[in-house]
């Protein structure tokens, strides 16, 4: 049994490395597609059954549940302190401009 486990682990690690390599190639190709679409000022492009859609860069704000609950529990503190806690509970996530490839059915 340990021999089979060793073989499965080795194959899994090999597959994981291959998937990572393919993901890097895919991301590089999408990056090049994005560059070409930006240069041509295209929002979308259709090729066969695939549609390439250019997304805008955006910033998303989310609130940490734990810190927000903590801020609500401390309602008897001065107002300026509430603002401080609120500001520290907000997390900003920035998504760069990218290309999404969709299969059109």
PDB file of N, CA and C in Angstrom:
ATOM      1  N   UNK A   1       0.818  -1.211   0.000  1.00  0.00           N
ATOM      2  CA  UNK A   1       0.000   0.000   0.000  1.00  0.00           C
ATOM      3  C   UNK A   1       0.858   1.270   0.000  1.00  0.00           C
ATOM      4  N   UNK A   2       1.888   1.375   0.821  1.00  0.00           N
ATOM      5  CA  UNK A   2       2.691   2.602   0.781  1.00  0.00           C
ATOM      6  C   UNK A   2       3.278   2.875  -0.602  1.00  0.00           C
ATOM      7  N   UNK A   3       3.639   1.823  -1.344  1.00  0.00           N
ATOM      8  CA  UNK A   3       4.171   2.011  -2.676  1.00  0.00           C
ATOM      9  C   UNK A   3       3.130   2.677  -3.580  1.00  0.00           C
ATOM     10  N   UNK A   4       1.882   2.242  -3.488  1.00  0.00           N
ATOM     11  CA  UNK A   4       0.817   2.857  -4.290  1.00  0.00           C
ATOM     12  C   UNK A   4       0.620   4.311  -3.893  1.00  0.00           C
ATOM     13  N   UNK A   5       0.670   4.587  -2.608  1.00  0.00           N
ATOM     14  CA  UNK A   5       0.525   5.972  -2.127  1.00  0.00           C
ATOM     15  C   UNK A   5       1.667   6.828  -2.674  1.00  0.00           C
ATOM     16  N   UNK A   6       2.881   6.298  -2.625  1.00  0.00           N
ATOM     17  CA  UNK A   6       4.036   7.036  -3.149  1.00  0.00           C
ATOM     18  C   UNK A   6       3.850   7.365  -4.630  1.00  0.00           C
ATOM     19  N   UNK A   7       3.406   6.375  -5.388  1.00  0.00           N
ATOM     20  CA  UNK A   7       3.188   6.580  -6.819  1.00  0.00           C
ATOM     21  C   UNK A   7       2.100   7.625  -7.053  1.00  0.00           C
ATOM     22  N   UNK A   8       1.002   7.542  -6.309  1.00  0.00           N
ATOM     23  CA  UNK A   8      -0.097   8.507  -6.467  1.00  0.00           C
ATOM     24  C   UNK A   8       0.339   9.915  -6.091  1.00  0.00           C
ATOM     25  N   UNK A   9       1.110  10.029  -5.024  1.00  0.00           N
ATOM     26  CA  UNK A   9       1.609  11.349  -4.610  1.00  0.00           C
ATOM     27  C   UNK A   9       2.537  11.910  -5.677  1.00  0.00           C
ATOM     28  N   UNK A  10       3.455  11.092  -6.179  1.00  0.00           N
ATOM     29  CA  UNK A  10       4.376  11.555  -7.224  1.00  0.00           C
ATOM     30  C   UNK A  10       3.620  11.988  -8.470  1.00  0.00           C
ATOM     31  N   UNK A  11       2.629  11.221  -8.905  1.00  0.00           N
ATOM     32  CA  UNK A  11       1.829  11.589 -10.077  1.00  0.00           C
ATOM     33  C   UNK A  11       1.031  12.864  -9.824  1.00  0.00           C
ATOM     34  N   UNK A  12       0.505  12.990  -8.617  1.00  0.00           N
ATOM     35  CA  UNK A  12      -0.262  14.192  -8.268  1.00  0.00           C
ATOM     36  C   UNK A  12       0.622  15.425  -8.290  1.00  0.00           C
ATOM     37  N   UNK A  13       1.833  15.311  -7.753  1.00  0.00           N
ATOM     38  CA  UNK A  13       2.763  16.444  -7.766  1.00  0.00           C
ATOM     39  C   UNK A  13       3.158  16.819  -9.199  1.00  0.00           C
ATOM     40  N   UNK A  14       3.369  15.813 -10.032  1.00  0.00           N
ATOM     41  CA  UNK A  14       3.700  16.065 -11.437  1.00  0.00           C
ATOM     42  C   UNK A  14       2.541  16.795 -12.130  1.00  0.00           C
ATOM     43  N   UNK A  15       1.314  16.327 -11.879  1.00  0.00           N
ATOM     44  CA  UNK A  15       0.134  16.976 -12.465  1.00  0.00           C
ATOM     45  C   UNK A  15      -0.018  18.412 -11.960  1.00  0.00           C
ATOM     46  N   UNK A  16       0.243  18.604 -10.681  1.00  0.00           N
ATOM     47  CA  UNK A  16       0.130  19.950 -10.101  1.00  0.00           C
ATOM     48  C   UNK A  16       1.122  20.904 -10.758  1.00  0.00           C
ATOM     49  N   UNK A  17       2.361  20.436 -10.970  1.00  0.00           N
ATOM     50  CA  UNK A  17       3.360  21.272 -11.646  1.00  0.00           C
ATOM     51  C   UNK A  17       2.936  21.574 -13.080  1.00  0.00           C
ATOM     52  N   UNK A  18       2.367  20.585 -13.750  1.00  0.00           N
ATOM     53  CA  UNK A  18       1.907  20.765 -15.127  1.00  0.00           C
ATOM     54  C   UNK A  18       0.748  21.765 -15.195  1.00  0.00           C
ATOM     55  N   UNK A  19      -0.196  21.654 -14.278  1.00  0.00           N
ATOM     56  CA  UNK A  19      -1.323  22.596 -14.235  1.00  0.00           C
ATOM     57  C   UNK A  19      -0.808  24.009 -13.981  1.00  0.00           C
ATOM     58  N   UNK A  20       0.153  24.161 -13.083  1.00  0.00           N
ATOM     59  CA  UNK A  20       0.715  25.482 -12.795  1.00  0.00           C
ATOM     60  C   UNK A  20       1.409  26.046 -14.036  1.00  0.00           C
ATOM     61  N   UNK A  21       2.160  25.205 -14.746  1.00  0.00           N
ATOM     62  CA  UNK A  21       2.842  25.641 -15.960  1.00  0.00           C
ATOM     63  C   UNK A  21       1.821  26.068 -17.018  1.00  0.00           C
ATOM     64  N   UNK A  22       0.766  25.282 -17.186  1.00  0.00           N
ATOM     65  CA  UNK A  22      -0.275  25.617 -18.160  1.00  0.00           C
ATOM     66  C   UNK A  22      -1.014  26.888 -17.764  1.00  0.00           C
ATOM     67  N   UNK A  23      -1.266  27.086 -16.466  1.00  0.00           N
ATOM     68  CA  UNK A  23      -1.929  28.307 -15.996  1.00  0.00           C
ATOM     69  C   UNK A  23      -1.076  29.536 -16.296  1.00  0.00           C
ATOM     70  N   UNK A  24       0.222  29.414 -16.119  1.00  0.00           N
ATOM     71  CA  UNK A  24       1.121  30.528 -16.423  1.00  0.00           C
ATOM     72  C   UNK A  24       1.095  30.851 -17.917  1.00  0.00           C
ATOM     73  N   UNK A  25       1.074  29.824 -18.759  1.00  0.00           N
ATOM     74  CA  UNK A  25       0.980  30.045 -20.200  1.00  0.00           C
ATOM     75  C   UNK A  25      -0.349  30.699 -20.572  1.00  0.00           C
ATOM     76  N   UNK A  26      -1.430  30.217 -19.973  1.00  0.00           N
ATOM     77  CA  UNK A  26      -2.764  30.764 -20.224  1.00  0.00           C
ATOM     78  C   UNK A  26      -2.819  32.238 -19.818  1.00  0.00           C
ATOM     79  N   UNK A  27      -2.289  32.559 -18.638  1.00  0.00           N
ATOM     80  CA  UNK A  27      -2.289  33.945 -18.170  1.00  0.00           C
ATOM     81  C   UNK A  27      -1.469  34.844 -19.092  1.00  0.00           C
ATOM     82  N   UNK A  28      -0.335  34.325 -19.576  1.00  0.00           N
ATOM     83  CA  UNK A  28       0.493  35.110 -20.494  1.00  0.00           C
ATOM     84  C   UNK A  28      -0.255  35.381 -21.801  1.00  0.00           C
ATOM     85  N   UNK A  29      -0.953  34.384 -22.303  1.00  0.00           N
ATOM     86  CA  UNK A  29      -1.725  34.562 -23.541  1.00  0.00           C
ATOM     87  C   UNK A  29      -2.853  35.568 -23.333  1.00  0.00           C
ATOM     88  N   UNK A  30      -3.545  35.470 -22.194  1.00  0.00           N
ATOM     89  CA  UNK A  30      -4.612  36.446 -21.912  1.00  0.00           C
ATOM     90  C   UNK A  30      -4.032  37.851 -21.765  1.00  0.00           C
ATOM     91  N   UNK A  31      -2.849  37.951 -21.187  1.00  0.00           N
ATOM     92  CA  UNK A  31      -2.193  39.257 -21.073  1.00  0.00           C
ATOM     93  C   UNK A  31      -1.897  39.859 -22.435  1.00  0.00           C
ATOM     94  N   UNK A  32      -1.446  39.027 -23.359  1.00  0.00           N
ATOM     95  CA  UNK A  32      -1.172  39.503 -24.722  1.00  0.00           C
ATOM     96  C   UNK A  32      -2.464  39.884 -25.434  1.00  0.00           C
ATOM     97  N   UNK A  33      -3.524  39.093 -25.240  1.00  0.00           N
ATOM     98  CA  UNK A  33      -4.831  39.434 -25.817  1.00  0.00           C
ATOM     99  C   UNK A  33      -5.289  40.784 -25.277  1.00  0.00           C
ATOM    100  N   UNK A  34      -5.123  41.000 -23.973  1.00  0.00           N
ATOM    101  CA  UNK A  34      -5.503  42.278 -23.362  1.00  0.00           C
ATOM    102  C   UNK A  34      -4.725  43.427 -23.996  1.00  0.00           C
ATOM    103  N   UNK A  35      -3.420  43.252 -24.160  1.00  0.00           N
ATOM    104  CA  UNK A  35      -2.597  44.313 -24.752  1.00  0.00           C
ATOM    105  C   UNK A  35      -3.072  44.648 -26.160  1.00  0.00           C
ATOM    106  N   UNK A  36      -3.387  43.628 -26.954  1.00  0.00           N
ATOM    107  CA  UNK A  36      -3.869  43.868 -28.315  1.00  0.00           C
ATOM    108  C   UNK A  36      -5.233  44.544 -28.320  1.00  0.00           C
ATOM    109  N   UNK A  37      -6.107  44.140 -27.410  1.00  0.00           N
ATOM    110  CA  UNK A  37      -7.440  44.752 -27.345  1.00  0.00           C
ATOM    111  C   UNK A  37      -7.356  46.202 -26.881  1.00  0.00           C
ATOM    112  N   UNK A  38      -6.465  46.481 -25.934  1.00  0.00           N
ATOM    113  CA  UNK A  38      -6.288  47.863 -25.470  1.00  0.00           C
ATOM    114  C   UNK A  38      -5.753  48.719 -26.614  1.00  0.00           C
ATOM    115  N   UNK A  39      -4.770  48.191 -27.335  1.00  0.00           N
ATOM    116  CA  UNK A  39      -4.190  48.942 -28.455  1.00  0.00           C
ATOM    117  C   UNK A  39      -5.236  49.244 -29.527  1.00  0.00           C
ATOM    118  N   UNK A  40      -6.156  48.313 -29.745  1.00  0.00           N
ATOM    119  CA  UNK A  40      -7.199  48.500 -30.757  1.00  0.00           C
ATOM    120  C   UNK A  40      -8.449  49.161 -30.173  1.00  0.00           C
ATOM    121  N   UNK A  41      -8.425  49.471 -28.883  1.00  0.00           N
ATOM    122  CA  UNK A  41      -9.570  50.063 -28.172  1.00  0.00           C
ATOM    123  C   UNK A  41     -10.830  49.221 -28.367  1.00  0.00           C
ATOM    124  N   UNK A  42     -10.679  47.895 -28.170  1.00  0.00           N
ATOM    125  CA  UNK A  42     -11.799  46.960 -28.295  1.00  0.00           C
ATOM    126  C   UNK A  42     -12.265  46.543 -26.913  1.00  0.00           C
ATOM    127  N   UNK A  43     -13.566  46.477 -26.703  1.00  0.00           N
ATOM    128  CA  UNK A  43     -14.149  46.025 -25.434  1.00  0.00           C
ATOM    129  C   UNK A  43     -14.381  44.511 -25.472  1.00  0.00           C
ATOM    130  N   UNK A  44     -14.633  43.973 -26.671  1.00  0.00           N
ATOM    131  CA  UNK A  44     -14.855  42.542 -26.824  1.00  0.00           C
ATOM    132  C   UNK A  44     -14.409  42.117 -28.218  1.00  0.00           C
ATOM    133  N   UNK A  45     -14.181  40.835 -28.349  1.00  0.00           N
ATOM    134  CA  UNK A  45     -13.748  40.280 -29.632  1.00  0.00           C
ATOM    135  C   UNK A  45     -14.276  38.853 -29.718  1.00  0.00           C
ATOM    136  N   UNK A  46     -14.836  38.483 -30.874  1.00  0.00           N
ATOM    137  CA  UNK A  46     -15.382  37.142 -31.051  1.00  0.00           C
ATOM    138  C   UNK A  46     -14.510  36.370 -32.039  1.00  0.00           C
ATOM    139  N   UNK A  47     -14.196  35.141 -31.650  1.00  0.00           N
ATOM    140  CA  UNK A  47     -13.456  34.237 -32.523  1.00  0.00           C
ATOM    141  C   UNK A  47     -14.121  32.873 -32.434  1.00  0.00           C
ATOM    142  N   UNK A  48     -14.767  32.444 -33.508  1.00  0.00           N
ATOM    143  CA  UNK A  48     -15.478  31.173 -33.491  1.00  0.00           C
ATOM    144  C   UNK A  48     -16.528  31.171 -32.391  1.00  0.00           C
ATOM    145  N   UNK A  49     -16.452  30.170 -31.514  1.00  0.00           N
ATOM    146  CA  UNK A  49     -17.412  30.051 -30.413  1.00  0.00           C
ATOM    147  C   UNK A  49     -16.899  30.709 -29.134  1.00  0.00           C
ATOM    148  N   UNK A  50     -15.818  31.492 -29.251  1.00  0.00           N
ATOM    149  CA  UNK A  50     -15.234  32.122 -28.062  1.00  0.00           C
ATOM    150  C   UNK A  50     -15.381  33.638 -28.148  1.00  0.00           C
ATOM    151  N   UNK A  51     -15.717  34.234 -27.031  1.00  0.00           N
ATOM    152  CA  UNK A  51     -15.820  35.684 -26.955  1.00  0.00           C
ATOM    153  C   UNK A  51     -14.837  36.162 -25.889  1.00  0.00           C
ATOM    154  N   UNK A  52     -13.936  37.060 -26.273  1.00  0.00           N
ATOM    155  CA  UNK A  52     -12.989  37.665 -25.337  1.00  0.00           C
ATOM    156  C   UNK A  52     -13.584  38.987 -24.885  1.00  0.00           C
ATOM    157  N   UNK A  53     -13.753  39.138 -23.585  1.00  0.00           N
ATOM    158  CA  UNK A  53     -14.349  40.345 -23.008  1.00  0.00           C
ATOM    159  C   UNK A  53     -13.315  41.028 -22.132  1.00  0.00           C
ATOM    160  N   UNK A  54     -13.085  42.303 -22.391  1.00  0.00           N
ATOM    161  CA  UNK A  54     -12.120  43.090 -21.610  1.00  0.00           C
ATOM    162  C   UNK A  54     -12.838  43.708 -20.421  1.00  0.00           C
ATOM    163  N   UNK A  55     -12.355  43.423 -19.227  1.00  0.00           N
ATOM    164  CA  UNK A  55     -12.956  44.001 -18.027  1.00  0.00           C
ATOM    165  C   UNK A  55     -12.195  45.256 -17.618  1.00  0.00           C
ATOM    166  N   UNK A  56     -12.839  46.105 -16.882  1.00  0.00           N
ATOM    167  CA  UNK A  56     -12.216  47.317 -16.355  1.00  0.00           C
ATOM    168  C   UNK A  56     -11.500  47.001 -15.046  1.00  0.00           C
ATOM    169  N   UNK A  57     -10.484  47.761 -14.760  1.00  0.00           N
ATOM    170  CA  UNK A  57      -9.860  47.664 -13.447  1.00  0.00           C
ATOM    171  C   UNK A  57     -10.863  48.200 -12.435  1.00  0.00           C
ATOM    172  N   UNK A  58     -10.946  47.563 -11.280  1.00  0.00           N
ATOM    173  CA  UNK A  58     -11.888  48.055 -10.278  1.00  0.00           C
ATOM    174  C   UNK A  58     -11.332  47.817  -8.890  1.00  0.00           C
ATOM    175  N   UNK A  59     -11.904  48.525  -7.965  1.00  0.00           N
ATOM    176  CA  UNK A  59     -11.526  48.406  -6.567  1.00  0.00           C
ATOM    177  C   UNK A  59     -12.772  48.006  -5.796  1.00  0.00           C
ATOM    178  N   UNK A  60     -12.664  46.928  -5.036  1.00  0.00           N
ATOM    179  CA  UNK A  60     -13.799  46.412  -4.281  1.00  0.00           C
ATOM    180  C   UNK A  60     -13.486  46.543  -2.800  1.00  0.00           C
ATOM    181  N   UNK A  61     -14.425  47.086  -2.063  1.00  0.00           N
ATOM    182  CA  UNK A  61     -14.239  47.202  -0.624  1.00  0.00           C
ATOM    183  C   UNK A  61     -15.116  46.183   0.077  1.00  0.00           C
ATOM    184  N   UNK A  62     -14.537  45.517   1.049  1.00  0.00           N
ATOM    185  CA  UNK A  62     -15.306  44.571   1.846  1.00  0.00           C
ATOM    186  C   UNK A  62     -15.003  44.821   3.314  1.00  0.00           C
ATOM    187  N   UNK A  63     -15.863  44.346   4.158  1.00  0.00           N
ATOM    188  CA  UNK A  63     -15.710  44.563   5.592  1.00  0.00           C
ATOM    189  C   UNK A  63     -15.441  43.226   6.262  1.00  0.00           C
ATOM    190  N   UNK A  64     -14.430  43.197   7.089  1.00  0.00           N
ATOM    191  CA  UNK A  64     -14.151  42.015   7.884  1.00  0.00           C
ATOM    192  C   UNK A  64     -15.275  41.851   8.903  1.00  0.00           C
ATOM    193  N   UNK A  65     -15.937  40.719   8.890  1.00  0.00           N
ATOM    194  CA  UNK A  65     -17.072  40.479   9.784  1.00  0.00           C
ATOM    195  C   UNK A  65     -16.666  40.620  11.246  1.00  0.00           C
ATOM    196  N   UNK A  66     -15.530  40.048  11.604  1.00  0.00           N
ATOM    197  CA  UNK A  66     -15.092  40.091  13.001  1.00  0.00           C
ATOM    198  C   UNK A  66     -14.854  41.516  13.475  1.00  0.00           C
ATOM    199  N   UNK A  67     -14.172  42.318  12.641  1.00  0.00           N
ATOM    200  CA  UNK A  67     -13.890  43.695  13.047  1.00  0.00           C
ATOM    201  C   UNK A  67     -15.155  44.548  13.044  1.00  0.00           C
ATOM    202  N   UNK A  68     -16.079  44.269  12.127  1.00  0.00           N
ATOM    203  CA  UNK A  68     -17.323  45.026  12.098  1.00  0.00           C
ATOM    204  C   UNK A  68     -18.155  44.730  13.342  1.00  0.00           C
ATOM    205  N   UNK A  69     -18.245  43.457  13.723  1.00  0.00           N
ATOM    206  CA  UNK A  69     -18.976  43.078  14.940  1.00  0.00           C
ATOM    207  C   UNK A  69     -18.335  43.737  16.153  1.00  0.00           C
ATOM    208  N   UNK A  70     -17.011  43.730  16.185  1.00  0.00           N
ATOM    209  CA  UNK A  70     -16.292  44.374  17.291  1.00  0.00           C
ATOM    210  C   UNK A  70     -16.636  45.867  17.358  1.00  0.00           C
ATOM    211  N   UNK A  71     -16.690  46.523  16.210  1.00  0.00           N
ATOM    212  CA  UNK A  71     -17.028  47.947  16.179  1.00  0.00           C
ATOM    213  C   UNK A  71     -18.446  48.187  16.664  1.00  0.00           C
ATOM    214  N   UNK A  72     -19.374  47.322  16.293  1.00  0.00           N
ATOM    215  CA  UNK A  72     -20.757  47.484  16.734  1.00  0.00           C
ATOM    216  C   UNK A  72     -20.906  47.259  18.236  1.00  0.00           C
ATOM    217  N   UNK A  73     -20.114  46.341  18.788  1.00  0.00           N
ATOM    218  CA  UNK A  73     -20.191  46.078  20.225  1.00  0.00           C
ATOM    219  C   UNK A  73     -19.670  47.245  21.051  1.00  0.00           C
ATOM    220  N   UNK A  74     -18.828  48.049  20.449  1.00  0.00           N
ATOM    221  CA  UNK A  74     -18.219  49.154  21.183  1.00  0.00           C
ATOM    222  C   UNK A  74     -18.915  50.479  20.876  1.00  0.00           C
ATOM    223  N   UNK A  75     -20.238  50.490  20.900  1.00  0.00           N
ATOM    224  CA  UNK A  75     -21.000  51.696  20.545  1.00  0.00           C
ATOM    225  C   UNK A  75     -20.888  52.801  21.567  1.00  0.00           C
ATOM    226  N   UNK A  76     -20.471  52.492  22.774  1.00  0.00           N
ATOM    227  CA  UNK A  76     -20.385  53.522  23.801  1.00  0.00           C
ATOM    228  C   UNK A  76     -19.050  54.259  23.791  1.00  0.00           C
ATOM    229  N   UNK A  77     -18.227  54.040  22.803  1.00  0.00           N
ATOM    230  CA  UNK A  77     -16.953  54.748  22.711  1.00  0.00           C
ATOM    231  C   UNK A  77     -17.150  56.035  21.918  1.00  0.00           C
ATOM    232  N   UNK A  78     -16.236  56.995  22.026  1.00  0.00           N
ATOM    233  CA  UNK A  78     -16.380  58.270  21.310  1.00  0.00           C
ATOM    234  C   UNK A  78     -16.470  58.071  19.804  1.00  0.00           C
ATOM    235  N   UNK A  79     -17.145  58.970  19.138  1.00  0.00           N
ATOM    236  CA  UNK A  79     -17.394  58.880  17.696  1.00  0.00           C
ATOM    237  C   UNK A  79     -16.133  58.756  16.871  1.00  0.00           C
ATOM    238  N   UNK A  80     -15.094  59.525  17.198  1.00  0.00           N
ATOM    239  CA  UNK A  80     -13.866  59.452  16.407  1.00  0.00           C
ATOM    240  C   UNK A  80     -13.206  58.078  16.512  1.00  0.00           C
ATOM    241  N   UNK A  81     -13.383  57.411  17.638  1.00  0.00           N
ATOM    242  CA  UNK A  81     -12.837  56.064  17.807  1.00  0.00           C
ATOM    243  C   UNK A  81     -13.620  55.069  16.949  1.00  0.00           C
ATOM    244  N   UNK A  82     -14.930  55.258  16.835  1.00  0.00           N
ATOM    245  CA  UNK A  82     -15.749  54.389  15.988  1.00  0.00           C
ATOM    246  C   UNK A  82     -15.281  54.470  14.541  1.00  0.00           C
ATOM    247  N   UNK A  83     -14.975  55.673  14.088  1.00  0.00           N
ATOM    248  CA  UNK A  83     -14.495  55.857  12.720  1.00  0.00           C
ATOM    249  C   UNK A  83     -13.179  55.116  12.538  1.00  0.00           C
ATOM    250  N   UNK A  84     -12.311  55.178  13.532  1.00  0.00           N
ATOM    251  CA  UNK A  84     -11.021  54.490  13.462  1.00  0.00           C
ATOM    252  C   UNK A  84     -11.220  52.983  13.327  1.00  0.00           C
ATOM    253  N   UNK A  85     -12.100  52.424  14.128  1.00  0.00           N
ATOM    254  CA  UNK A  85     -12.369  50.979  14.067  1.00  0.00           C
ATOM    255  C   UNK A  85     -12.995  50.630  12.721  1.00  0.00           C
ATOM    256  N   UNK A  86     -13.934  51.445  12.264  1.00  0.00           N
ATOM    257  CA  UNK A  86     -14.581  51.175  10.983  1.00  0.00           C
ATOM    258  C   UNK A  86     -13.546  51.190   9.857  1.00  0.00           C
ATOM    259  N   UNK A  87     -12.666  52.181   9.852  1.00  0.00           N
ATOM    260  CA  UNK A  87     -11.668  52.275   8.788  1.00  0.00           C
ATOM    261  C   UNK A  87     -10.742  51.058   8.781  1.00  0.00           C
ATOM    262  N   UNK A  88     -10.456  50.513   9.941  1.00  0.00           N
ATOM    263  CA  UNK A  88      -9.583  49.344   9.998  1.00  0.00           C
ATOM    264  C   UNK A  88     -10.321  48.053   9.668  1.00  0.00           C
ATOM    265  N   UNK A  89     -11.633  48.072   9.645  1.00  0.00           N
ATOM    266  CA  UNK A  89     -12.372  46.859   9.299  1.00  0.00           C
ATOM    267  C   UNK A  89     -12.637  46.770   7.798  1.00  0.00           C
ATOM    268  N   UNK A  90     -12.389  47.854   7.062  1.00  0.00           N
ATOM    269  CA  UNK A  90     -12.623  47.857   5.623  1.00  0.00           C
ATOM    270  C   UNK A  90     -11.358  47.390   4.910  1.00  0.00           C
ATOM    271  N   UNK A  91     -11.521  46.421   4.044  1.00  0.00           N
ATOM    272  CA  UNK A  91     -10.412  45.897   3.247  1.00  0.00           C
ATOM    273  C   UNK A  91     -10.654  46.276   1.798  1.00  0.00           C
ATOM    274  N   UNK A  92      -9.636  46.727   1.120  1.00  0.00           N
ATOM    275  CA  UNK A  92      -9.763  47.082  -0.288  1.00  0.00           C
ATOM    276  C   UNK A  92      -9.064  46.021  -1.135  1.00  0.00           C
ATOM    277  N   UNK A  93      -9.783  45.532  -2.130  1.00  0.00           N
ATOM    278  CA  UNK A  93      -9.249  44.542  -3.056  1.00  0.00           C
ATOM    279  C   UNK A  93      -9.246  45.186  -4.437  1.00  0.00           C
ATOM    280  N   UNK A  94      -8.088  45.239  -5.062  1.00  0.00           N
ATOM    281  CA  UNK A  94      -7.994  45.841  -6.388  1.00  0.00           C
ATOM    282  C   UNK A  94      -7.863  44.740  -7.426  1.00  0.00           C
ATOM    283  N   UNK A  95      -8.747  44.790  -8.425  1.00  0.00           N
ATOM    284  CA  UNK A  95      -8.692  43.840  -9.526  1.00  0.00           C
ATOM    285  C   UNK A  95      -8.214  44.583 -10.764  1.00  0.00           C
ATOM    286  N   UNK A  96      -7.108  44.148 -11.343  1.00  0.00           N
ATOM    287  CA  UNK A  96      -6.609  44.848 -12.531  1.00  0.00           C
ATOM    288  C   UNK A  96      -7.481  44.562 -13.752  1.00  0.00           C
ATOM    289  N   UNK A  97      -7.296  45.380 -14.770  1.00  0.00           N
ATOM    290  CA  UNK A  97      -7.979  45.151 -16.034  1.00  0.00           C
ATOM    291  C   UNK A  97      -7.531  43.798 -16.574  1.00  0.00           C
ATOM    292  N   UNK A  98      -8.448  43.022 -17.123  1.00  0.00           N
ATOM    293  CA  UNK A  98      -8.104  41.693 -17.609  1.00  0.00           C
ATOM    294  C   UNK A  98      -9.013  41.298 -18.759  1.00  0.00           C
ATOM    295  N   UNK A  99      -8.771  40.122 -19.310  1.00  0.00           N
ATOM    296  CA  UNK A  99      -9.596  39.569 -20.379  1.00  0.00           C
ATOM    297  C   UNK A  99     -10.211  38.268 -19.872  1.00  0.00           C
ATOM    298  N   UNK A 100     -11.497  38.118 -20.091  1.00  0.00           N
ATOM    299  CA  UNK A 100     -12.205  36.885 -19.758  1.00  0.00           C
ATOM    300  C   UNK A 100     -12.580  36.210 -21.068  1.00  0.00           C
ATOM    301  N   UNK A 101     -12.263  34.925 -21.178  1.00  0.00           N
ATOM    302  CA  UNK A 101     -12.626  34.173 -22.371  1.00  0.00           C
ATOM    303  C   UNK A 101     -13.873  33.350 -22.061  1.00  0.00           C
ATOM    304  N   UNK A 102     -14.918  33.541 -22.867  1.00  0.00           N
ATOM    305  CA  UNK A 102     -16.186  32.844 -22.668  1.00  0.00           C
ATOM    306  C   UNK A 102     -16.500  32.020 -23.906  1.00  0.00           C
ATOM    307  N   UNK A 103     -17.015  30.826 -23.691  1.00  0.00           N
ATOM    308  CA  UNK A 103     -17.497  30.006 -24.806  1.00  0.00           C
ATOM    309  C   UNK A 103     -18.940  30.415 -25.083  1.00  0.00           C
ATOM    310  N   UNK A 104     -19.217  30.839 -26.299  1.00  0.00           N
ATOM    311  CA  UNK A 104     -20.555  31.274 -26.692  1.00  0.00           C
ATOM    312  C   UNK A 104     -21.310  30.051 -27.184  1.00  0.00           C
ATOM    313  N   UNK A 105     -22.452  29.781 -26.558  1.00  0.00           N
ATOM    314  CA  UNK A 105     -23.252  28.625 -26.978  1.00  0.00           C
ATOM    315  C   UNK A 105     -24.562  29.054 -27.584  1.00  0.00           C
TER     316      UNK A 105
END
